[in-house]
PDB file of N, CA and C in Angstrom:
ATOM      1  N   MET A   1      25.106 -30.117 129.989  1.00  0.00           N
ATOM      2  CA  MET A   1      25.923 -29.369 128.928  1.00  0.00           C
ATOM      3  C   MET A   1      27.266 -29.033 129.316  1.00  0.00           C
ATOM      4  N   ARG A   2      27.541 -28.490 130.555  1.00  0.00           N
ATOM      5  CA  ARG A   2      28.734 -28.102 130.877  1.00  0.00           C
ATOM      6  C   ARG A   2      29.923 -29.328 130.842  1.00  0.00           C
ATOM      7  N   ARG A   3      29.325 -30.463 130.989  1.00  0.00           N
ATOM      8  CA  ARG A   3      30.308 -31.692 131.029  1.00  0.00           C
ATOM      9  C   ARG A   3      30.831 -31.831 129.399  1.00  0.00           C
ATOM     10  N   ASN A   4      29.834 -31.634 128.706  1.00  0.00           N
ATOM     11  CA  ASN A   4      30.321 -31.838 127.095  1.00  0.00           C
ATOM     12  C   ASN A   4      31.418 -30.713 126.912  1.00  0.00           C
ATOM     13  N   ASN A   5      31.291 -29.465 127.311  1.00  0.00           N
ATOM     14  CA  ASN A   5      32.141 -28.403 127.019  1.00  0.00           C
ATOM     15  C   ASN A   5      33.456 -28.684 127.840  1.00  0.00           C
ATOM     16  N   ASP A   6      33.403 -29.238 128.876  1.00  0.00           N
ATOM     17  CA  ASP A   6      34.691 -29.760 129.714  1.00  0.00           C
ATOM     18  C   ASP A   6      35.423 -30.799 128.738  1.00  0.00           C
ATOM     19  N   ARG A   7      34.521 -31.723 128.278  1.00  0.00           N
ATOM     20  CA  ARG A   7      35.257 -32.795 127.298  1.00  0.00           C
ATOM     21  C   ARG A   7      35.882 -32.163 126.296  1.00  0.00           C
ATOM     22  N   SER A   8      35.351 -31.207 125.537  1.00  0.00           N
ATOM     23  CA  SER A   8      35.559 -30.561 124.426  1.00  0.00           C
ATOM     24  C   SER A   8      36.896 -29.828 124.542  1.00  0.00           C
ATOM     25  N   GLN A   9      36.905 -29.042 125.670  1.00  0.00           N
ATOM     26  CA  GLN A   9      38.194 -28.245 126.173  1.00  0.00           C
ATOM     27  C   GLN A   9      39.424 -29.203 126.262  1.00  0.00           C
ATOM     28  N   ARG A  10      39.104 -30.248 127.124  1.00  0.00           N
ATOM     29  CA  ARG A  10      40.195 -31.455 127.323  1.00  0.00           C
ATOM     30  C   ARG A  10      40.635 -31.964 126.245  1.00  0.00           C
ATOM     31  N   SER A  11      39.823 -32.229 125.189  1.00  0.00           N
ATOM     32  CA  SER A  11      40.139 -32.695 123.881  1.00  0.00           C
ATOM     33  C   SER A  11      40.952 -31.743 123.030  1.00  0.00           C
ATOM     34  N   GLU A  12      40.624 -30.496 122.870  1.00  0.00           N
ATOM     35  CA  GLU A  12      41.282 -29.590 122.236  1.00  0.00           C
ATOM     36  C   GLU A  12      42.742 -29.333 122.810  1.00  0.00           C
ATOM     37  N   LEU A  13      42.920 -29.320 124.258  1.00  0.00           N
ATOM     38  CA  LEU A  13      44.191 -29.454 124.811  1.00  0.00           C
ATOM     39  C   LEU A  13      45.073 -30.454 124.593  1.00  0.00           C
ATOM     40  N   LYS A  14      44.463 -31.719 124.484  1.00  0.00           N
ATOM     41  CA  LYS A  14      45.130 -32.829 123.937  1.00  0.00           C
ATOM     42  C   LYS A  14      45.738 -32.724 122.661  1.00  0.00           C
ATOM     43  N   LYS A  15      44.873 -32.561 121.883  1.00  0.00           N
ATOM     44  CA  LYS A  15      45.172 -32.347 120.474  1.00  0.00           C
ATOM     45  C   LYS A  15      46.313 -31.153 120.164  1.00  0.00           C
ATOM     46  N   GLU A  16      46.195 -30.057 120.832  1.00  0.00           N
ATOM     47  CA  GLU A  16      47.382 -29.075 120.977  1.00  0.00           C
ATOM     48  C   GLU A  16      48.591 -29.551 121.482  1.00  0.00           C
ATOM     49  N   ALA A  17      48.634 -30.241 122.443  1.00  0.00           N
ATOM     50  CA  ALA A  17      49.765 -30.930 123.041  1.00  0.00           C
ATOM     51  C   ALA A  17      50.406 -31.906 121.923  1.00  0.00           C
ATOM     52  N   LEU A  18      49.523 -32.767 121.164  1.00  0.00           N
ATOM     53  CA  LEU A  18      50.085 -33.584 120.373  1.00  0.00           C
ATOM     54  C   LEU A  18      50.751 -32.925 119.353  1.00  0.00           C
ATOM     55  N   ILE A  19      50.054 -31.807 118.810  1.00  0.00           N
ATOM     56  CA  ILE A  19      50.695 -31.142 117.545  1.00  0.00           C
ATOM     57  C   ILE A  19      51.935 -30.381 118.002  1.00  0.00           C
ATOM     58  N   GLU A  20      52.006 -30.021 119.156  1.00  0.00           N
ATOM     59  CA  GLU A  20      53.152 -29.151 119.856  1.00  0.00           C
ATOM     60  C   GLU A  20      54.225 -30.120 119.840  1.00  0.00           C
ATOM     61  N   SER A  21      54.060 -31.528 120.468  1.00  0.00           N
ATOM     62  CA  SER A  21      55.152 -32.389 120.534  1.00  0.00           C
ATOM     63  C   SER A  21      55.628 -32.750 119.118  1.00  0.00           C
ATOM     64  N   LEU A  22      54.845 -32.964 118.064  1.00  0.00           N
ATOM     65  CA  LEU A  22      55.177 -33.302 116.701  1.00  0.00           C
ATOM     66  C   LEU A  22      55.911 -32.298 115.846  1.00  0.00           C
ATOM     67  N   LYS A  23      56.030 -31.024 116.481  1.00  0.00           N
ATOM     68  CA  LYS A  23      56.333 -29.776 115.850  1.00  0.00           C
ATOM     69  C   LYS A  23      55.580 -29.531 114.550  1.00  0.00           C
ATOM     70  N   PHE A  24      54.425 -29.836 114.486  1.00  0.00           N
ATOM     71  CA  PHE A  24      53.480 -29.424 113.271  1.00  0.00           C
ATOM     72  C   PHE A  24      53.032 -27.987 113.359  1.00  0.00           C
ATOM     73  N   PRO A  25      52.894 -27.292 112.303  1.00  0.00           N
ATOM     74  CA  PRO A  25      52.308 -25.903 112.513  1.00  0.00           C
ATOM     75  C   PRO A  25      50.914 -25.883 113.079  1.00  0.00           C
ATOM     76  N   LYS A  26      50.492 -25.028 114.195  1.00  0.00           N
ATOM     77  CA  LYS A  26      49.311 -25.080 114.737  1.00  0.00           C
ATOM     78  C   LYS A  26      48.184 -24.515 113.818  1.00  0.00           C
ATOM     79  N   ASP A  27      48.585 -23.412 112.878  1.00  0.00           N
ATOM     80  CA  ASP A  27      47.634 -22.849 112.169  1.00  0.00           C
ATOM     81  C   ASP A  27      46.967 -23.950 110.956  1.00  0.00           C
ATOM     82  N   ILE A  28      47.876 -24.935 110.587  1.00  0.00           N
ATOM     83  CA  ILE A  28      47.268 -25.614 109.516  1.00  0.00           C
ATOM     84  C   ILE A  28      46.601 -26.985 110.363  1.00  0.00           C
ATOM     85  N   CYS A  29      47.126 -27.426 111.373  1.00  0.00           N
ATOM     86  CA  CYS A  29      46.621 -28.721 111.962  1.00  0.00           C
ATOM     87  C   CYS A  29      45.232 -28.338 112.687  1.00  0.00           C
ATOM     88  N   MET A  30      45.345 -27.158 113.277  1.00  0.00           N
ATOM     89  CA  MET A  30      44.022 -26.717 114.156  1.00  0.00           C
ATOM     90  C   MET A  30      43.011 -25.822 113.551  1.00  0.00           C
ATOM     91  N   GLY A  31      43.653 -25.305 112.230  1.00  0.00           N
ATOM     92  CA  GLY A  31      42.676 -24.339 111.643  1.00  0.00           C
ATOM     93  C   GLY A  31      42.545 -23.005 112.156  1.00  0.00           C
ATOM     94  N   ALA A  32      43.576 -22.743 112.904  1.00  0.00           N
ATOM     95  CA  ALA A  32      43.812 -21.332 113.436  1.00  0.00           C
ATOM     96  C   ALA A  32      44.072 -20.229 112.311  1.00  0.00           C
ATOM     97  N   ILE A  33      43.491 -19.168 112.703  1.00  0.00           N
ATOM     98  CA  ILE A  33      43.507 -17.823 111.693  1.00  0.00           C
ATOM     99  C   ILE A  33      45.041 -17.310 111.965  1.00  0.00           C
ATOM    100  N   ARG A  34      45.549 -17.304 110.879  1.00  0.00           N
ATOM    101  CA  ARG A  34      47.044 -16.435 111.088  1.00  0.00           C
ATOM    102  C   ARG A  34      47.022 -15.153 110.475  1.00  0.00           C
ATOM    103  N   VAL A  35      47.518 -14.121 111.331  1.00  0.00           N
ATOM    104  CA  VAL A  35      47.404 -12.952 110.981  1.00  0.00           C
ATOM    105  C   VAL A  35      48.926 -12.263 111.028  1.00  0.00           C
ATOM    106  N   THR A  36      49.257 -11.686 109.824  1.00  0.00           N
ATOM    107  CA  THR A  36      50.677 -11.166 109.742  1.00  0.00           C
ATOM    108  C   THR A  36      50.483  -9.723 109.262  1.00  0.00           C
ATOM    109  N   MET A  37      51.005  -8.915 110.077  1.00  0.00           N
ATOM    110  CA  MET A  37      50.954  -7.439 110.111  1.00  0.00           C
ATOM    111  C   MET A  37      52.304  -6.854 109.472  1.00  0.00           C
ATOM    112  N   THR A  38      51.973  -5.799 108.837  1.00  0.00           N
ATOM    113  CA  THR A  38      53.214  -4.904 108.210  1.00  0.00           C
ATOM    114  C   THR A  38      52.749  -3.547 108.956  1.00  0.00           C
ATOM    115  N   GLY A  39      53.412  -3.302 110.098  1.00  0.00           N
ATOM    116  CA  GLY A  39      53.117  -1.977 110.654  1.00  0.00           C
ATOM    117  C   GLY A  39      51.683  -1.992 111.152  1.00  0.00           C
ATOM    118  N   ASN A  40      51.085  -0.791 110.956  1.00  0.00           N
ATOM    119  CA  ASN A  40      49.574  -0.660 111.230  1.00  0.00           C
ATOM    120  C   ASN A  40      48.905  -0.467 110.032  1.00  0.00           C
ATOM    121  N   ARG A  41      49.491  -0.606 108.675  1.00  0.00           N
ATOM    122  CA  ARG A  41      48.976  -0.201 107.444  1.00  0.00           C
ATOM    123  C   ARG A  41      48.490  -1.319 106.624  1.00  0.00           C
ATOM    124  N   GLU A  42      48.822  -2.707 106.923  1.00  0.00           N
ATOM    125  CA  GLU A  42      48.524  -3.887 106.157  1.00  0.00           C
ATOM    126  C   GLU A  42      48.462  -5.130 107.062  1.00  0.00           C
ATOM    127  N   ALA A  43      47.443  -5.905 106.595  1.00  0.00           N
ATOM    128  CA  ALA A  43      47.338  -7.378 107.281  1.00  0.00           C
ATOM    129  C   ALA A  43      47.214  -8.431 106.229  1.00  0.00           C
ATOM    130  N   TRP A  44      47.870  -9.550 106.579  1.00  0.00           N
ATOM    131  CA  TRP A  44      47.551 -10.778 105.718  1.00  0.00           C
ATOM    132  C   TRP A  44      46.863 -11.514 106.491  1.00  0.00           C
ATOM    133  N   ILE A  45      45.712 -12.178 106.117  1.00  0.00           N
ATOM    134  CA  ILE A  45      44.882 -12.995 106.812  1.00  0.00           C
ATOM    135  C   ILE A  45      45.013 -14.487 106.169  1.00  0.00           C
ATOM    136  N   GLU A  46      45.216 -15.604 106.941  1.00  0.00           N
ATOM    137  CA  GLU A  46      45.141 -16.909 106.422  1.00  0.00           C
ATOM    138  C   GLU A  46      44.148 -17.807 107.226  1.00  0.00           C
ATOM    139  N   ASN A  47      43.535 -18.672 106.536  1.00  0.00           N
ATOM    140  CA  ASN A  47      42.656 -19.814 107.226  1.00  0.00           C
ATOM    141  C   ASN A  47      41.356 -19.171 107.807  1.00  0.00           C
ATOM    142  N   TYR A  48      40.884 -18.083 107.284  1.00  0.00           N
ATOM    143  CA  TYR A  48      39.468 -17.531 107.726  1.00  0.00           C
ATOM    144  C   TYR A  48      38.511 -18.358 107.106  1.00  0.00           C
ATOM    145  N   ARG A  49      37.161 -18.241 107.703  1.00  0.00           N
ATOM    146  CA  ARG A  49      36.012 -19.093 107.070  1.00  0.00           C
ATOM    147  C   ARG A  49      35.181 -18.165 106.443  1.00  0.00           C
ATOM    148  N   GLY A  50      35.034 -17.000 106.715  1.00  0.00           N
ATOM    149  CA  GLY A  50      34.052 -16.168 106.050  1.00  0.00           C
ATOM    150  C   GLY A  50      34.224 -14.541 106.479  1.00  0.00           C
ATOM    151  N   LEU A  51      33.578 -13.700 105.787  1.00  0.00           N
ATOM    152  CA  LEU A  51      33.624 -12.265 106.172  1.00  0.00           C
ATOM    153  C   LEU A  51      32.182 -12.060 106.633  1.00  0.00           C
ATOM    154  N   LEU A  52      32.104 -11.638 107.921  1.00  0.00           N
ATOM    155  CA  LEU A  52      30.776 -11.257 108.654  1.00  0.00           C
ATOM    156  C   LEU A  52      30.524  -9.772 108.584  1.00  0.00           C
ATOM    157  N   GLU A  53      31.325  -8.831 108.532  1.00  0.00           N
ATOM    158  CA  GLU A  53      31.209  -7.262 108.494  1.00  0.00           C
ATOM    159  C   GLU A  53      32.037  -6.773 107.756  1.00  0.00           C
ATOM    160  N   TYR A  54      31.772  -5.879 106.883  1.00  0.00           N
ATOM    161  CA  TYR A  54      32.786  -4.857 106.149  1.00  0.00           C
ATOM    162  C   TYR A  54      32.484  -3.589 105.842  1.00  0.00           C
ATOM    163  N   THR A  55      33.096  -2.666 106.782  1.00  0.00           N
ATOM    164  CA  THR A  55      32.894  -1.292 106.571  1.00  0.00           C
ATOM    165  C   THR A  55      34.260  -0.663 106.512  1.00  0.00           C
ATOM    166  N   GLN A  56      34.502   0.647 106.398  1.00  0.00           N
ATOM    167  CA  GLN A  56      35.667   1.308 106.246  1.00  0.00           C
ATOM    168  C   GLN A  56      36.318   1.566 107.821  1.00  0.00           C
ATOM    169  N   GLU A  57      35.500   1.361 108.692  1.00  0.00           N
ATOM    170  CA  GLU A  57      36.032   1.287 110.032  1.00  0.00           C
ATOM    171  C   GLU A  57      36.165  -0.043 110.698  1.00  0.00           C
ATOM    172  N   GLN A  58      35.327  -1.151 110.161  1.00  0.00           N
ATOM    173  CA  GLN A  58      35.537  -2.422 110.946  1.00  0.00           C
ATOM    174  C   GLN A  58      35.511  -3.503 109.855  1.00  0.00           C
ATOM    175  N   ILE A  59      36.165  -4.495 109.992  1.00  0.00           N
ATOM    176  CA  ILE A  59      36.128  -5.925 109.242  1.00  0.00           C
ATOM    177  C   ILE A  59      36.258  -6.982 110.173  1.00  0.00           C
ATOM    178  N   LEU A  60      35.056  -7.773 110.189  1.00  0.00           N
ATOM    179  CA  LEU A  60      34.876  -8.783 111.016  1.00  0.00           C
ATOM    180  C   LEU A  60      35.034 -10.183 110.238  1.00  0.00           C
ATOM    181  N   LEU A  61      35.868 -11.152 110.687  1.00  0.00           N
ATOM    182  CA  LEU A  61      36.109 -12.287 109.931  1.00  0.00           C
ATOM    183  C   LEU A  61      35.715 -13.508 110.914  1.00  0.00           C
ATOM    184  N   GLN A  62      35.176 -14.600 110.380  1.00  0.00           N
ATOM    185  CA  GLN A  62      34.926 -15.843 111.204  1.00  0.00           C
ATOM    186  C   GLN A  62      36.102 -16.786 110.950  1.00  0.00           C
ATOM    187  N   GLY A  63      36.531 -17.264 112.052  1.00  0.00           N
ATOM    188  CA  GLY A  63      37.409 -18.477 111.921  1.00  0.00           C
ATOM    189  C   GLY A  63      36.892 -19.781 112.328  1.00  0.00           C
ATOM    190  N   LYS A  64      37.704 -20.648 112.467  1.00  0.00           N
ATOM    191  CA  LYS A  64      37.063 -21.967 112.907  1.00  0.00           C
ATOM    192  C   LYS A  64      36.653 -21.918 114.275  1.00  0.00           C
ATOM    193  N   THR A  65      37.484 -21.439 114.986  1.00  0.00           N
ATOM    194  CA  THR A  65      37.241 -21.380 116.720  1.00  0.00           C
ATOM    195  C   THR A  65      37.105 -20.055 117.247  1.00  0.00           C
ATOM    196  N   CYS A  66      37.175 -19.012 116.432  1.00  0.00           N
ATOM    197  CA  CYS A  66      36.903 -17.642 116.826  1.00  0.00           C
ATOM    198  C   CYS A  66      36.653 -16.582 115.769  1.00  0.00           C
ATOM    199  N   GLN A  67      36.438 -15.346 116.295  1.00  0.00           N
ATOM    200  CA  GLN A  67      36.165 -14.142 115.241  1.00  0.00           C
ATOM    201  C   GLN A  67      37.299 -13.327 115.492  1.00  0.00           C
ATOM    202  N   VAL A  68      37.746 -12.698 114.473  1.00  0.00           N
ATOM    203  CA  VAL A  68      38.914 -11.646 114.485  1.00  0.00           C
ATOM    204  C   VAL A  68      38.301 -10.206 113.795  1.00  0.00           C
ATOM    205  N   CYS A  69      38.443  -9.097 114.581  1.00  0.00           N
ATOM    206  CA  CYS A  69      37.787  -7.900 114.169  1.00  0.00           C
ATOM    207  C   CYS A  69      38.854  -6.964 113.943  1.00  0.00           C
ATOM    208  N   PHE A  70      38.993  -6.438 112.892  1.00  0.00           N
ATOM    209  CA  PHE A  70      39.988  -5.258 112.615  1.00  0.00           C
ATOM    210  C   PHE A  70      39.255  -3.989 112.584  1.00  0.00           C
ATOM    211  N   GLU A  71      39.774  -3.052 113.459  1.00  0.00           N
ATOM    212  CA  GLU A  71      39.182  -1.850 113.620  1.00  0.00           C
ATOM    213  C   GLU A  71      40.316  -0.600 113.104  1.00  0.00           C
ATOM    214  N   GLY A  72      39.684   0.418 112.526  1.00  0.00           N
ATOM    215  CA  GLY A  72      40.586   1.426 112.043  1.00  0.00           C
ATOM    216  C   GLY A  72      39.960   2.499 111.325  1.00  0.00           C
ATOM    217  N   THR A  73      40.531   3.054 110.354  1.00  0.00           N
ATOM    218  CA  THR A  73      40.054   4.146 109.462  1.00  0.00           C
ATOM    219  C   THR A  73      40.541   3.787 108.112  1.00  0.00           C
ATOM    220  N   GLY A  74      39.685   3.987 107.033  1.00  0.00           N
ATOM    221  CA  GLY A  74      39.841   3.652 105.556  1.00  0.00           C
ATOM    222  C   GLY A  74      40.393   2.242 105.414  1.00  0.00           C
ATOM    223  N   LEU A  75      39.508   1.338 106.077  1.00  0.00           N
ATOM    224  CA  LEU A  75      40.069  -0.148 105.756  1.00  0.00           C
ATOM    225  C   LEU A  75      39.520  -0.550 104.534  1.00  0.00           C
ATOM    226  N   SER A  76      40.176  -1.288 103.882  1.00  0.00           N
ATOM    227  CA  SER A  76      39.735  -1.873 102.585  1.00  0.00           C
ATOM    228  C   SER A  76      40.158  -3.355 102.458  1.00  0.00           C
ATOM    229  N   ILE A  77      39.513  -4.290 101.660  1.00  0.00           N
ATOM    230  CA  ILE A  77      40.114  -5.607 101.376  1.00  0.00           C
ATOM    231  C   ILE A  77      40.766  -5.365  99.883  1.00  0.00           C
ATOM    232  N   ASP A  78      41.929  -5.417  99.617  1.00  0.00           N
ATOM    233  CA  ASP A  78      42.652  -5.402  98.683  1.00  0.00           C
ATOM    234  C   ASP A  78      42.373  -6.684  97.720  1.00  0.00           C
ATOM    235  N   TYR A  79      42.351  -7.757  98.375  1.00  0.00           N
ATOM    236  CA  TYR A  79      42.085  -9.044  97.557  1.00  0.00           C
ATOM    237  C   TYR A  79      41.609 -10.127  98.589  1.00  0.00           C
ATOM    238  N   TYR A  80      40.936 -10.962  98.085  1.00  0.00           N
ATOM    239  CA  TYR A  80      40.629 -12.245  98.842  1.00  0.00           C
ATOM    240  C   TYR A  80      40.598 -13.440  98.197  1.00  0.00           C
ATOM    241  N   THR A  81      40.999 -14.659  98.556  1.00  0.00           N
ATOM    242  CA  THR A  81      40.638 -15.892  98.035  1.00  0.00           C
ATOM    243  C   THR A  81      40.005 -16.924  99.099  1.00  0.00           C
ATOM    244  N   ASN A  82      39.716 -18.215  98.694  1.00  0.00           N
ATOM    245  CA  ASN A  82      39.155 -19.111  99.777  1.00  0.00           C
ATOM    246  C   ASN A  82      40.101 -19.029 100.924  1.00  0.00           C
ATOM    247  N   GLU A  83      41.386 -18.849 100.627  1.00  0.00           N
ATOM    248  CA  GLU A  83      42.433 -19.101 101.707  1.00  0.00           C
ATOM    249  C   GLU A  83      43.033 -17.765 102.674  1.00  0.00           C
ATOM    250  N   ASP A  84      42.986 -16.921 101.723  1.00  0.00           N
ATOM    251  CA  ASP A  84      43.802 -15.724 102.337  1.00  0.00           C
ATOM    252  C   ASP A  84      43.143 -14.432 101.867  1.00  0.00           C
ATOM    253  N   MET A  85      43.618 -13.193 102.515  1.00  0.00           N
ATOM    254  CA  MET A  85      43.032 -12.060 102.271  1.00  0.00           C
ATOM    255  C   MET A  85      43.968 -10.864 102.696  1.00  0.00           C
ATOM    256  N   LYS A  86      44.025  -9.826 102.052  1.00  0.00           N
ATOM    257  CA  LYS A  86      44.838  -8.729 102.546  1.00  0.00           C
ATOM    258  C   LYS A  86      44.016  -7.620 102.824  1.00  0.00           C
ATOM    259  N   ILE A  87      44.139  -6.991 103.872  1.00  0.00           N
ATOM    260  CA  ILE A  87      43.403  -5.635 104.398  1.00  0.00           C
ATOM    261  C   ILE A  87      44.561  -4.425 104.547  1.00  0.00           C
ATOM    262  N   SER A  88      44.073  -3.325 104.095  1.00  0.00           N
ATOM    263  CA  SER A  88      45.134  -2.278 104.049  1.00  0.00           C
ATOM    264  C   SER A  88      44.073  -0.931 104.783  1.00  0.00           C
ATOM    265  N   GLY A  89      44.926  -0.144 105.124  1.00  0.00           N
ATOM    266  CA  GLY A  89      44.166   1.087 105.875  1.00  0.00           C
ATOM    267  C   GLY A  89      44.995   1.268 107.030  1.00  0.00           C
ATOM    268  N   CYS A  90      44.476   2.122 107.969  1.00  0.00           N
ATOM    269  CA  CYS A  90      44.918   2.538 109.186  1.00  0.00           C
ATOM    270  C   CYS A  90      44.380   1.634 110.318  1.00  0.00           C
ATOM    271  N   ILE A  91      44.972   0.586 110.469  1.00  0.00           N
ATOM    272  CA  ILE A  91      44.629  -0.505 111.511  1.00  0.00           C
ATOM    273  C   ILE A  91      44.886  -0.103 113.001  1.00  0.00           C
ATOM    274  N   SER A  92      43.984   0.235 113.775  1.00  0.00           N
ATOM    275  CA  SER A  92      44.213   0.722 115.157  1.00  0.00           C
ATOM    276  C   SER A  92      43.955  -0.429 116.245  1.00  0.00           C
ATOM    277  N   CYS A  93      43.213  -1.504 115.833  1.00  0.00           N
ATOM    278  CA  CYS A  93      42.920  -2.426 116.847  1.00  0.00           C
ATOM    279  C   CYS A  93      42.521  -3.900 116.266  1.00  0.00           C
ATOM    280  N   ILE A  94      43.092  -4.898 116.835  1.00  0.00           N
ATOM    281  CA  ILE A  94      42.658  -6.065 116.445  1.00  0.00           C
ATOM    282  C   ILE A  94      42.069  -6.997 117.722  1.00  0.00           C
ATOM    283  N   ARG A  95      40.921  -7.381 117.439  1.00  0.00           N
ATOM    284  CA  ARG A  95      40.340  -8.139 118.657  1.00  0.00           C
ATOM    285  C   ARG A  95      40.008  -9.413 118.222  1.00  0.00           C
ATOM    286  N   TYR A  96      39.977 -10.514 119.220  1.00  0.00           N
ATOM    287  CA  TYR A  96      39.671 -11.773 119.082  1.00  0.00           C
ATOM    288  C   TYR A  96      38.698 -12.077 119.928  1.00  0.00           C
ATOM    289  N   SER A  97      37.674 -12.856 119.445  1.00  0.00           N
ATOM    290  CA  SER A  97      36.544 -13.146 120.335  1.00  0.00           C
ATOM    291  C   SER A  97      36.134 -14.605 120.017  1.00  0.00           C
TER     292      SER A  97
END
């Protein structure tokens, strides 16, 4: 199983190197989540796959290759579509796992 994981990591690194050399945007080509912040009060998120948890203290999103967790107080989702969303409130922490 470890051998498959090593191959997968090497494949991802090769893919990333090719995208970098061609100057293509990584968020589009690799499906990476893009987070744009305005201070600690607003966040715009693009390329997410789904919403896993939603409370006023925590919003957990699934991406293609990772999860992103927003923590804070008074968090709310102002709008969302299949491609993007806007989170507002007092954001104190963003974690990737």
